């Protein structure tokens, strides 16, 4: 541990960022590929691709709700296990593992039953029409059956990483994603199973990931063991899991709400195909956003350590390099989107009408992409120096506080264009606010801290 701390305080910032960010970027991209690949294959189903990908767009908020519960159990249990191990309380950590598995099973089965019983009503509420509900229902009826395994795969990914084996966690994710790609092609085009084939491929992949995760504990390879006696729920442990997991859970639920609001506006002002266009646009956007989140995951421990060690120049340099790196990625993405959007869009669909809607929407939606790095990197930097409340507000600005009102207000004046421009409007406003807060924070705290450090040095 001391050696790692010395490295954080002495090694080249560039090397540290590469070392800490690269695994995070890979993990983020693998997670993103699950959704992106499904949409690519579904959008290219002969004859029904446009309506099928629109049906998938309608189903996205439900998928996000499932992810929310996966985050609730996964993050909540993994963090609590780490805390108990830090305290030297291994027995309590083992109880958390058992409770997490039991909890994931109960939540998964409950969501499956409720989801299947209320599926038609939920889908119509989330933006489905008579033309798209068939495809949305075909996809979600399969996904909902495997909800337990979806939650478990996310839970084990977090637990194994927290158990000190991040490489295995990443390997299991990559195996699941690779299997999903192969099965998508086999089921959709080999067996002509259509959109249900894509859903089945996803579920089989998640079952595989879950079983690989479970086998890690059953084979006795883990530091924290799994005992049958710990599968019985303990309300004190469940409360502890919920207490820590509620933050990522709430964020994912908010994302689901944003997707529903987008779908409603898109259906009203652009019709069914515009929802399909948004499914493609959000996938393309995800390809460029995920690396930025990888950068900030790598940045946080470096900034936190050096800020705490009063090595403020290193903390500022980490911010600078992270901001430049993220901006370069976003700038490259923006150039490709604005200059050759058809290259990206054609990977998801070949239908000319849907492609035209998507290309127009994508160019407008990604208009402010070059400055998005300011919001993402800036808010995470503020969090890394211990300003959690300010960071939370800044983090919500771009995707909630500003975006939701823009999606509701702008279409009243600009129609479908208002929906497309809601995101860049939120991007610009949040980047400006985050930039101002960031500059003030650096001037106020870092300048004062540097002066204090100089005084201490002189006194010595």
Protein backbone atom coordinates (compact mmCIF):
# COMPACT_ATOMS: atom_id res chain seq x y z
CA UNK A 1 0.00 0.00 0.00
CA UNK A 2 2.81 2.40 0.87
CA UNK A 3 4.45 1.71 -2.48
CA UNK A 4 1.21 2.53 -4.31
CA UNK A 5 0.85 5.74 -2.35
CA UNK A 6 4.41 6.74 -3.18
CA UNK A 7 3.71 6.12 -6.86
CA UNK A 8 0.59 8.33 -6.75
CA UNK A 9 2.67 11.13 -5.28
CA UNK A 10 5.84 10.76 -7.33
CA UNK A 11 5.34 9.02 -10.67
CA UNK A 12 4.72 10.93 -13.91
CA UNK A 13 1.10 12.14 -14.08
CA UNK A 14 0.80 11.01 -17.69
CA UNK A 15 1.93 7.48 -16.85
CA UNK A 16 -0.34 7.35 -13.80
CA UNK A 17 -3.38 8.44 -15.79
CA UNK A 18 -2.68 5.84 -18.47
CA UNK A 19 -2.19 3.14 -15.83
CA UNK A 20 -5.36 3.97 -13.91
CA UNK A 21 -7.60 5.05 -16.78
CA UNK A 22 -6.99 2.32 -19.35
CA UNK A 23 -8.66 -0.53 -17.38
CA UNK A 24 -11.59 1.76 -16.56
CA UNK A 25 -11.97 2.79 -20.22
CA UNK A 26 -11.95 -0.86 -21.31
CA UNK A 27 -14.58 -1.71 -18.70
CA UNK A 28 -16.77 1.22 -19.73
CA UNK A 29 -16.51 0.35 -23.43
CA UNK A 30 -17.35 -3.31 -22.81
CA UNK A 31 -20.45 -2.27 -20.85
CA UNK A 32 -21.46 0.10 -23.64
CA UNK A 33 -20.96 -2.57 -26.31
CA UNK A 34 -23.71 -4.73 -24.78
CA UNK A 35 -26.29 -2.11 -25.78
CA UNK A 36 -24.58 -0.79 -28.90
CA UNK A 37 -24.12 -4.21 -30.53
CA UNK A 38 -27.74 -5.20 -29.84
CA UNK A 39 -28.92 -2.03 -31.57
CA UNK A 40 -26.61 -2.58 -34.54
CA UNK A 41 -27.94 -6.08 -35.17
CA UNK A 42 -31.58 -5.21 -34.48
CA UNK A 43 -31.49 -2.17 -36.76
CA UNK A 44 -30.26 -4.34 -39.62
CA UNK A 45 -32.95 -7.03 -39.40
CA UNK A 46 -34.28 -7.32 -43.00
CA UNK A 47 -37.66 -5.71 -43.54
CA UNK A 48 -38.40 -4.71 -39.94
CA UNK A 49 -35.17 -3.00 -38.81
CA UNK A 50 -36.58 0.55 -38.49
CA UNK A 51 -39.58 -0.48 -36.37
CA UNK A 52 -37.51 -3.02 -34.43
CA UNK A 53 -34.89 -0.48 -33.34
CA UNK A 54 -37.73 1.92 -32.48
CA UNK A 55 -39.24 -0.78 -30.29
CA UNK A 56 -35.86 -1.13 -28.61
CA UNK A 57 -35.79 2.64 -28.03
CA UNK A 58 -39.16 2.40 -26.28
CA UNK A 59 -37.82 -0.44 -24.11
CA UNK A 60 -34.67 1.45 -23.04
CA UNK A 61 -36.18 3.03 -19.89
CA UNK A 62 -37.11 -0.45 -18.60
CA UNK A 63 -33.57 -1.68 -19.28
CA UNK A 64 -32.25 1.31 -17.33
CA UNK A 65 -34.50 0.46 -14.37
CA UNK A 66 -33.03 -3.06 -14.31
CA UNK A 67 -29.52 -1.52 -14.38
CA UNK A 68 -30.58 0.71 -11.47
CA UNK A 69 -31.38 -2.32 -9.30
CA UNK A 70 -28.14 -3.99 -10.42
CA UNK A 71 -26.26 -0.89 -9.24
CA UNK A 72 -28.22 -0.82 -5.99
CA UNK A 73 -27.18 -4.36 -5.03
CA UNK A 74 -23.77 -4.39 -6.75
CA UNK A 75 -22.33 -1.08 -5.56
CA UNK A 76 -24.01 -1.32 -2.16
CA UNK A 77 -22.73 -4.82 -1.40
CA UNK A 78 -19.22 -4.40 -2.87
CA UNK A 79 -18.61 -1.17 -0.93
CA UNK A 80 -19.82 -2.70 2.32
CA UNK A 81 -17.61 -5.77 1.78
CA UNK A 82 -14.59 -3.48 1.29
CA UNK A 83 -15.41 -1.55 4.46
CA UNK A 84 -15.78 -4.71 6.54
CA UNK A 85 -12.53 -6.16 5.18
CA UNK A 86 -10.81 -2.88 6.02
CA UNK A 87 -12.09 -3.27 9.57
CA UNK A 88 -10.78 -6.83 9.63
CA UNK A 89 -14.31 -8.21 9.98
CA UNK A 90 -14.24 -11.07 7.43
CA UNK A 91 -17.27 -12.88 8.89
CA UNK A 92 -19.45 -9.83 8.35
CA UNK A 93 -18.11 -9.49 4.79
CA UNK A 94 -19.12 -13.10 4.08
CA UNK A 95 -22.62 -12.40 5.38
CA UNK A 96 -22.89 -9.46 2.96
CA UNK A 97 -21.96 -11.72 0.00
CA UNK A 98 -24.71 -14.21 0.90
CA UNK A 99 -27.27 -11.47 1.49
CA UNK A 100 -26.39 -9.78 -1.81
CA UNK A 101 -27.02 -12.99 -3.80
CA UNK A 102 -30.33 -13.59 -2.00
CA UNK A 103 -31.34 -9.96 -2.48
CA UNK A 104 -30.50 -10.01 -6.21
CA UNK A 105 -32.63 -13.13 -6.63
CA UNK A 106 -35.65 -11.69 -4.80
CA UNK A 107 -35.50 -8.34 -6.62
CA UNK A 108 -34.94 -10.05 -9.99
CA UNK A 109 -37.89 -12.44 -9.63
CA UNK A 110 -40.15 -9.62 -8.38
CA UNK A 111 -39.24 -7.37 -11.32
CA UNK A 112 -39.77 -10.25 -13.75
CA UNK A 113 -43.27 -10.99 -12.46
CA UNK A 114 -44.40 -7.36 -12.22
CA UNK A 115 -42.79 -6.46 -15.55
CA UNK A 116 -44.41 -9.30 -17.47
CA UNK A 117 -47.84 -8.66 -15.91
CA UNK A 118 -47.77 -4.90 -16.62
CA UNK A 119 -45.63 -4.88 -19.78
CA UNK A 120 -48.23 -3.52 -22.19
CA UNK A 121 -49.19 -0.62 -19.91
CA UNK A 122 -45.57 0.22 -19.12
CA UNK A 123 -44.53 0.25 -22.78
CA UNK A 124 -47.43 2.48 -23.84
CA UNK A 125 -46.54 4.87 -21.01
CA UNK A 126 -42.90 4.86 -22.14
CA UNK A 127 -43.72 5.94 -25.71
CA UNK A 128 -44.86 2.83 -27.60
CA UNK A 129 -47.47 3.03 -30.35
CA UNK A 130 -49.59 0.38 -32.06
CA UNK A 131 -46.82 0.05 -34.65
CA UNK A 132 -43.90 -0.40 -32.25
CA UNK A 133 -45.32 -2.15 -29.18
CA UNK A 134 -45.08 -5.57 -30.86
CA UNK A 135 -41.30 -5.25 -31.23
CA UNK A 136 -40.79 -3.68 -27.80
CA UNK A 137 -42.88 -6.42 -26.19
CA UNK A 138 -41.07 -9.21 -28.09
CA UNK A 139 -37.73 -7.91 -26.83
CA UNK A 140 -38.68 -7.11 -23.23
CA UNK A 141 -40.72 -10.28 -22.61
CA UNK A 142 -37.47 -12.24 -23.02
CA UNK A 143 -35.26 -9.73 -21.17
CA UNK A 144 -37.63 -9.65 -18.19
CA UNK A 145 -37.48 -13.44 -17.81
CA UNK A 146 -33.74 -13.13 -17.24
CA UNK A 147 -33.84 -10.07 -14.98
CA UNK A 148 -32.34 -11.99 -12.04
CA UNK A 149 -29.25 -12.84 -14.08
CA UNK A 150 -28.95 -9.26 -15.37
CA UNK A 151 -28.80 -8.02 -11.77
CA UNK A 152 -26.47 -10.82 -10.68
CA UNK A 153 -23.99 -10.21 -13.50
CA UNK A 154 -23.67 -6.55 -12.43
CA UNK A 155 -23.48 -7.56 -8.77
CA UNK A 156 -20.68 -10.12 -9.29
CA UNK A 157 -18.74 -7.67 -11.46
CA UNK A 158 -18.66 -5.23 -8.54
CA UNK A 159 -18.04 -7.87 -5.87
CA UNK A 160 -15.13 -9.57 -7.67
CA UNK A 161 -13.50 -6.19 -8.34
CA UNK A 162 -13.93 -5.33 -4.65
CA UNK A 163 -12.49 -8.72 -3.70
CA UNK A 164 -9.20 -7.60 -5.19
CA UNK A 165 -9.50 -9.28 -8.59
CA UNK A 166 -10.28 -6.52 -11.12
CA UNK A 167 -8.64 -8.49 -13.96
CA UNK A 168 -11.03 -11.42 -13.52
CA UNK A 169 -13.98 -9.03 -13.28
CA UNK A 170 -12.95 -7.42 -16.59
CA UNK A 171 -12.34 -10.84 -18.20
CA UNK A 172 -15.83 -12.05 -17.26
CA UNK A 173 -17.32 -8.86 -18.72
CA UNK A 174 -15.38 -9.30 -21.96
CA UNK A 175 -16.41 -12.97 -22.24
CA UNK A 176 -20.06 -12.00 -21.76
CA UNK A 177 -19.87 -9.21 -24.31
CA UNK A 178 -18.07 -11.40 -26.87
CA UNK A 179 -20.63 -14.16 -26.44
CA UNK A 180 -23.42 -11.63 -26.88
CA UNK A 181 -21.98 -10.51 -30.24
CA UNK A 182 -21.63 -14.08 -31.54
CA UNK A 183 -25.10 -15.11 -30.38
CA UNK A 184 -26.68 -11.93 -31.79
CA UNK A 185 -25.42 -12.83 -35.26
CA UNK A 186 -26.39 -16.51 -34.85
CA UNK A 187 -29.90 -16.00 -33.48
CA UNK A 188 -30.93 -12.97 -35.56
CA UNK A 189 -29.51 -13.90 -38.95
CA UNK A 190 -28.67 -17.62 -38.62
CA UNK A 191 -31.92 -18.77 -36.96
CA UNK A 192 -34.07 -15.81 -38.15
CA UNK A 193 -35.31 -15.14 -34.60
CA UNK A 194 -35.49 -11.37 -35.08
CA UNK A 195 -35.58 -9.04 -32.11
CA UNK A 196 -36.30 -11.93 -29.72
CA UNK A 197 -33.02 -13.46 -30.83
CA UNK A 198 -31.17 -10.33 -29.71
CA UNK A 199 -32.90 -10.47 -26.31
CA UNK A 200 -32.11 -14.18 -25.94
CA UNK A 201 -28.45 -13.53 -26.82
CA UNK A 202 -28.27 -10.85 -24.12
CA UNK A 203 -29.84 -13.09 -21.47
CA UNK A 204 -27.62 -16.10 -22.27
CA UNK A 205 -24.57 -13.82 -22.06
CA UNK A 206 -25.66 -12.47 -18.69
CA UNK A 207 -26.41 -15.98 -17.39
CA UNK A 208 -22.88 -16.97 -18.45
CA UNK A 209 -21.36 -13.94 -16.69
CA UNK A 210 -23.40 -14.69 -13.55
CA UNK A 211 -22.33 -18.35 -13.47
CA UNK A 212 -18.68 -17.42 -13.96
CA UNK A 213 -18.98 -14.93 -11.11
CA UNK A 214 -20.71 -17.47 -8.85
CA UNK A 215 -18.10 -20.13 -9.66
CA UNK A 216 -15.36 -17.75 -8.45
CA UNK A 217 -16.88 -17.96 -4.97
CA UNK A 218 -17.93 -21.62 -5.11
CA UNK A 219 -14.45 -22.78 -6.17
CA UNK A 220 -12.94 -21.13 -3.11
CA UNK A 221 -10.73 -18.79 -5.15
CA UNK A 222 -12.13 -15.68 -3.51
CA UNK A 223 -10.76 -13.91 -0.45
CA UNK A 224 -14.28 -13.71 0.96
CA UNK A 225 -16.02 -17.08 1.02
CA UNK A 226 -19.64 -17.90 0.20
CA UNK A 227 -21.46 -19.92 2.87
CA UNK A 228 -25.02 -21.26 2.53
CA UNK A 229 -25.93 -20.05 6.02
CA UNK A 230 -25.35 -16.45 4.93
CA UNK A 231 -27.98 -16.62 2.14
CA UNK A 232 -30.66 -15.84 4.75
CA UNK A 233 -31.53 -12.14 4.64
CA UNK A 234 -30.43 -9.98 7.53
CA UNK A 235 -32.32 -6.67 7.59
CA UNK A 236 -29.37 -4.81 9.13
CA UNK A 237 -27.13 -5.92 6.25
CA UNK A 238 -29.81 -5.21 3.65
CA UNK A 239 -30.22 -1.70 5.07
CA UNK A 240 -26.45 -1.15 4.84
CA UNK A 241 -26.44 -2.30 1.19
CA UNK A 242 -29.34 0.01 0.35
CA UNK A 243 -27.78 2.96 2.19
CA UNK A 244 -24.68 2.94 -0.04
CA UNK A 245 -26.32 1.67 -3.22
CA UNK A 246 -29.14 4.23 -3.20
CA UNK A 247 -27.04 6.98 -4.86
CA UNK A 248 -26.20 5.09 -8.10
CA UNK A 249 -29.71 3.59 -7.98
CA UNK A 250 -31.27 7.07 -7.92
CA UNK A 251 -29.02 8.25 -10.78
CA UNK A 252 -30.07 5.34 -13.00
CA UNK A 253 -33.75 5.88 -12.18
CA UNK A 254 -33.31 9.52 -13.16
CA UNK A 255 -31.76 8.38 -16.46
CA UNK A 256 -34.82 6.21 -17.04
CA UNK A 257 -37.09 9.20 -16.40
CA UNK A 258 -35.10 11.31 -18.88
CA UNK A 259 -35.46 8.55 -21.51
CA UNK A 260 -39.23 8.44 -20.97
CA UNK A 261 -39.50 12.23 -21.34
CA UNK A 262 -37.38 12.10 -24.52
CA UNK A 263 -39.53 9.29 -25.96
CA UNK A 264 -42.73 11.20 -25.21
CA UNK A 265 -41.46 14.36 -26.94
CA UNK A 266 -40.03 12.41 -29.87
CA UNK A 267 -43.31 10.54 -30.39
CA UNK A 268 -45.30 13.80 -30.22
CA UNK A 269 -43.12 15.92 -32.52
CA UNK A 270 -41.39 13.35 -34.75
CA UNK A 271 -43.36 10.10 -34.71
CA UNK A 272 -42.19 6.53 -34.14
CA UNK A 273 -39.09 6.68 -36.34
CA UNK A 274 -37.62 9.55 -34.33
CA UNK A 275 -37.56 7.25 -31.27
CA UNK A 276 -35.62 4.74 -33.38
CA UNK A 277 -33.31 7.55 -34.46
CA UNK A 278 -32.65 8.46 -30.81
CA UNK A 279 -31.77 4.82 -30.01
CA UNK A 280 -29.01 5.07 -32.63
CA UNK A 281 -27.95 8.60 -31.60
CA UNK A 282 -27.60 7.62 -27.94
CA UNK A 283 -25.51 4.59 -28.98
CA UNK A 284 -23.12 6.72 -31.04
CA UNK A 285 -22.93 9.28 -28.23
CA UNK A 286 -22.12 6.48 -25.77
CA UNK A 287 -19.11 5.42 -27.83
CA UNK A 288 -17.45 8.79 -27.19
CA UNK A 289 -18.74 9.46 -23.67
CA UNK A 290 -17.53 6.17 -22.14
CA UNK A 291 -13.79 6.90 -22.61
CA UNK A 292 -14.29 10.25 -20.84
CA UNK A 293 -15.78 8.50 -17.83
CA UNK A 294 -12.82 6.12 -17.93
CA UNK A 295 -10.46 9.11 -17.79
CA UNK A 296 -12.19 10.53 -14.72
CA UNK A 297 -12.19 7.16 -12.94
CA UNK A 298 -8.44 7.06 -13.42
CA UNK A 299 -8.09 10.72 -12.45
CA UNK A 300 -9.95 10.56 -9.12
CA UNK A 301 -7.47 8.57 -6.98
CA UNK A 302 -4.53 10.61 -8.34
CA UNK A 303 -6.20 13.95 -7.60
CA UNK A 304 -7.51 12.79 -4.23
CA UNK A 305 -4.13 11.53 -3.03
CA UNK A 306 -2.11 14.54 -4.20
CA UNK A 307 -4.67 17.04 -2.90
CA UNK A 308 -4.62 15.29 0.48
CA UNK A 309 -0.81 15.24 0.43
CA UNK A 310 -0.80 19.00 -0.37
CA UNK A 311 0.89 18.39 -3.72
CA UNK A 312 -1.45 20.85 -5.40
CA UNK A 313 0.58 21.32 -8.57
CA UNK A 314 0.28 17.58 -9.29
CA UNK A 315 -3.47 17.67 -8.66
CA UNK A 316 -3.86 20.62 -11.05
CA UNK A 317 -1.67 18.93 -13.67
CA UNK A 318 -3.83 15.80 -13.43
CA UNK A 319 -6.91 17.95 -14.05
CA UNK A 320 -5.25 19.62 -17.03
CA UNK A 321 -4.16 16.39 -18.73
CA UNK A 322 -7.54 14.71 -18.05
CA UNK A 323 -9.40 17.68 -19.46
CA UNK A 324 -7.23 17.78 -22.58
CA UNK A 325 -7.53 14.01 -23.11
CA UNK A 326 -11.31 14.02 -22.76
CA UNK A 327 -11.64 17.07 -25.01
CA UNK A 328 -9.51 15.45 -27.73
CA UNK A 329 -11.80 12.38 -27.71
CA UNK A 330 -14.93 14.54 -27.86
CA UNK A 331 -13.44 16.78 -30.55
CA UNK A 332 -12.60 13.77 -32.72
CA UNK A 333 -16.10 12.41 -32.16
CA UNK A 334 -17.67 15.74 -33.08
CA UNK A 335 -15.63 15.96 -36.30
CA UNK A 336 -16.66 12.48 -37.42
CA UNK A 337 -20.30 13.18 -36.56
CA UNK A 338 -20.41 16.51 -38.38
CA UNK A 339 -18.34 15.49 -41.41
CA UNK A 340 -19.33 11.86 -41.98
CA UNK A 341 -22.42 11.01 -39.89
CA UNK A 342 -23.66 8.53 -42.48
CA UNK A 343 -20.66 6.27 -41.77
CA UNK A 344 -21.71 5.91 -38.12
CA UNK A 345 -25.46 5.77 -38.72
CA UNK A 346 -25.22 3.15 -41.49
CA UNK A 347 -23.80 0.67 -38.97
CA UNK A 348 -27.16 0.69 -37.18
CA UNK A 349 -29.62 0.87 -40.08
CA UNK A 350 -29.80 1.01 -43.86
CA UNK A 351 -33.38 2.29 -44.16
CA UNK A 352 -33.11 5.62 -46.00
CA UNK A 353 -35.95 7.40 -44.19
CA UNK A 354 -34.69 6.42 -40.74
CA UNK A 355 -31.10 7.22 -41.73
CA UNK A 356 -32.09 10.72 -42.86
CA UNK A 357 -33.91 11.43 -39.58
CA UNK A 358 -31.02 10.03 -37.55
CA UNK A 359 -28.30 11.96 -39.42
CA UNK A 360 -30.13 15.27 -39.01
CA UNK A 361 -30.84 14.56 -35.33
CA UNK A 362 -27.30 13.35 -34.61
CA UNK A 363 -25.61 16.45 -36.00
CA UNK A 364 -27.83 18.70 -33.89
CA UNK A 365 -27.72 16.51 -30.77
CA UNK A 366 -23.89 16.41 -30.84
CA UNK A 367 -23.46 20.10 -31.69
CA UNK A 368 -21.81 20.93 -28.33
CA UNK A 369 -19.86 17.66 -27.95
CA UNK A 370 -16.38 19.33 -27.98
CA UNK A 371 -17.06 21.05 -24.62
CA UNK A 372 -18.74 18.13 -22.80
CA UNK A 373 -15.40 17.19 -21.21
CA UNK A 374 -15.53 20.34 -19.07
CA UNK A 375 -18.70 19.12 -17.35
CA UNK A 376 -17.64 15.50 -16.90
CA UNK A 377 -14.02 16.08 -15.85
CA UNK A 378 -14.77 19.25 -13.88
CA UNK A 379 -17.53 17.77 -11.72
CA UNK A 380 -15.44 14.68 -10.95
CA UNK A 381 -12.42 16.82 -10.06
CA UNK A 382 -14.55 18.77 -7.57
CA UNK A 383 -15.69 15.45 -6.09
CA UNK A 384 -12.09 14.22 -5.86
CA UNK A 385 -11.07 17.15 -3.65
CA UNK A 386 -13.88 16.42 -1.21
CA UNK A 387 -16.62 18.83 -2.38
CA UNK A 388 -19.24 16.10 -2.66
CA UNK A 389 -22.39 18.26 -2.54
CA UNK A 390 -21.13 20.73 -5.16
CA UNK A 391 -19.97 17.84 -7.34
CA UNK A 392 -23.37 16.16 -7.12
CA UNK A 393 -25.17 19.31 -8.30
CA UNK A 394 -22.68 19.80 -11.14
CA UNK A 395 -23.05 16.14 -12.12
CA UNK A 396 -26.84 16.48 -12.32
CA UNK A 397 -26.78 19.74 -14.31
CA UNK A 398 -26.10 18.27 -17.74
CA UNK A 399 -28.36 15.22 -17.65
CA UNK A 400 -31.16 16.25 -15.28
CA UNK A 401 -31.48 19.79 -13.91
CA UNK A 402 -31.07 21.58 -17.25
CA UNK A 403 -31.84 18.78 -19.72
CA UNK A 404 -35.33 17.82 -18.51
CA UNK A 405 -36.75 21.39 -18.71
CA UNK A 406 -35.12 21.83 -22.15
CA UNK A 407 -36.73 18.63 -23.48
CA UNK A 408 -40.11 19.85 -22.24
CA UNK A 409 -39.83 23.54 -23.23
CA UNK A 410 -37.86 23.75 -26.50
CA UNK A 411 -40.13 21.48 -28.63
CA UNK A 412 -43.04 23.84 -27.95
CA UNK A 413 -41.19 26.48 -29.98
CA UNK A 414 -39.04 24.47 -32.41
CA UNK A 415 -40.85 21.14 -32.78
CA UNK A 416 -38.61 18.11 -33.34
CA UNK A 417 -35.55 20.39 -33.64
CA UNK A 418 -36.25 21.46 -30.08
CA UNK A 419 -35.87 17.85 -28.93
CA UNK A 420 -32.55 17.47 -30.78
CA UNK A 421 -31.17 20.77 -29.45
CA UNK A 422 -32.18 20.08 -25.82
CA UNK A 423 -28.97 18.11 -25.15
CA UNK A 424 -26.48 20.63 -26.63
CA UNK A 425 -28.27 23.43 -24.77
CA UNK A 426 -27.81 21.52 -21.52
CA UNK A 427 -24.20 20.76 -22.49
CA UNK A 428 -23.35 24.43 -23.07
CA UNK A 429 -25.03 25.76 -19.93
CA UNK A 430 -23.57 23.05 -17.68
CA UNK A 431 -20.07 23.48 -19.19
CA UNK A 432 -20.17 27.24 -18.50
CA UNK A 433 -21.39 26.77 -14.91
CA UNK A 434 -18.93 23.94 -14.22
CA UNK A 435 -16.08 25.98 -15.70
CA UNK A 436 -16.88 28.97 -13.49
CA UNK A 437 -17.12 26.81 -10.35
CA UNK A 438 -13.88 25.03 -11.28
CA UNK A 439 -11.94 28.28 -11.80
CA UNK A 440 -13.24 29.76 -8.54
CA UNK A 441 -12.44 26.57 -6.62
CA UNK A 442 -8.87 26.46 -7.94
CA UNK A 443 -8.26 30.17 -7.29
CA UNK A 444 -9.77 30.07 -3.83
CA UNK A 445 -8.57 26.79 -2.38
CA UNK A 446 -5.47 25.92 -4.36
CA UNK A 447 -3.93 29.41 -4.07
CA UNK A 448 -4.57 29.51 -0.32
CA UNK A 449 -3.27 25.97 0.11
CA UNK A 450 -0.09 26.73 -1.84
CA UNK A 451 0.54 29.80 0.35
CA UNK A 452 0.01 27.68 3.48
CA UNK A 453 2.44 25.08 2.19
CA UNK A 454 5.09 27.74 1.52
CA UNK A 455 4.66 29.16 5.04
CA UNK A 456 5.03 25.68 6.51
CA UNK A 457 8.17 25.09 4.44
CA UNK A 458 9.69 28.41 5.61
CA UNK A 459 8.86 27.63 9.22
CA UNK A 460 10.70 24.33 8.93
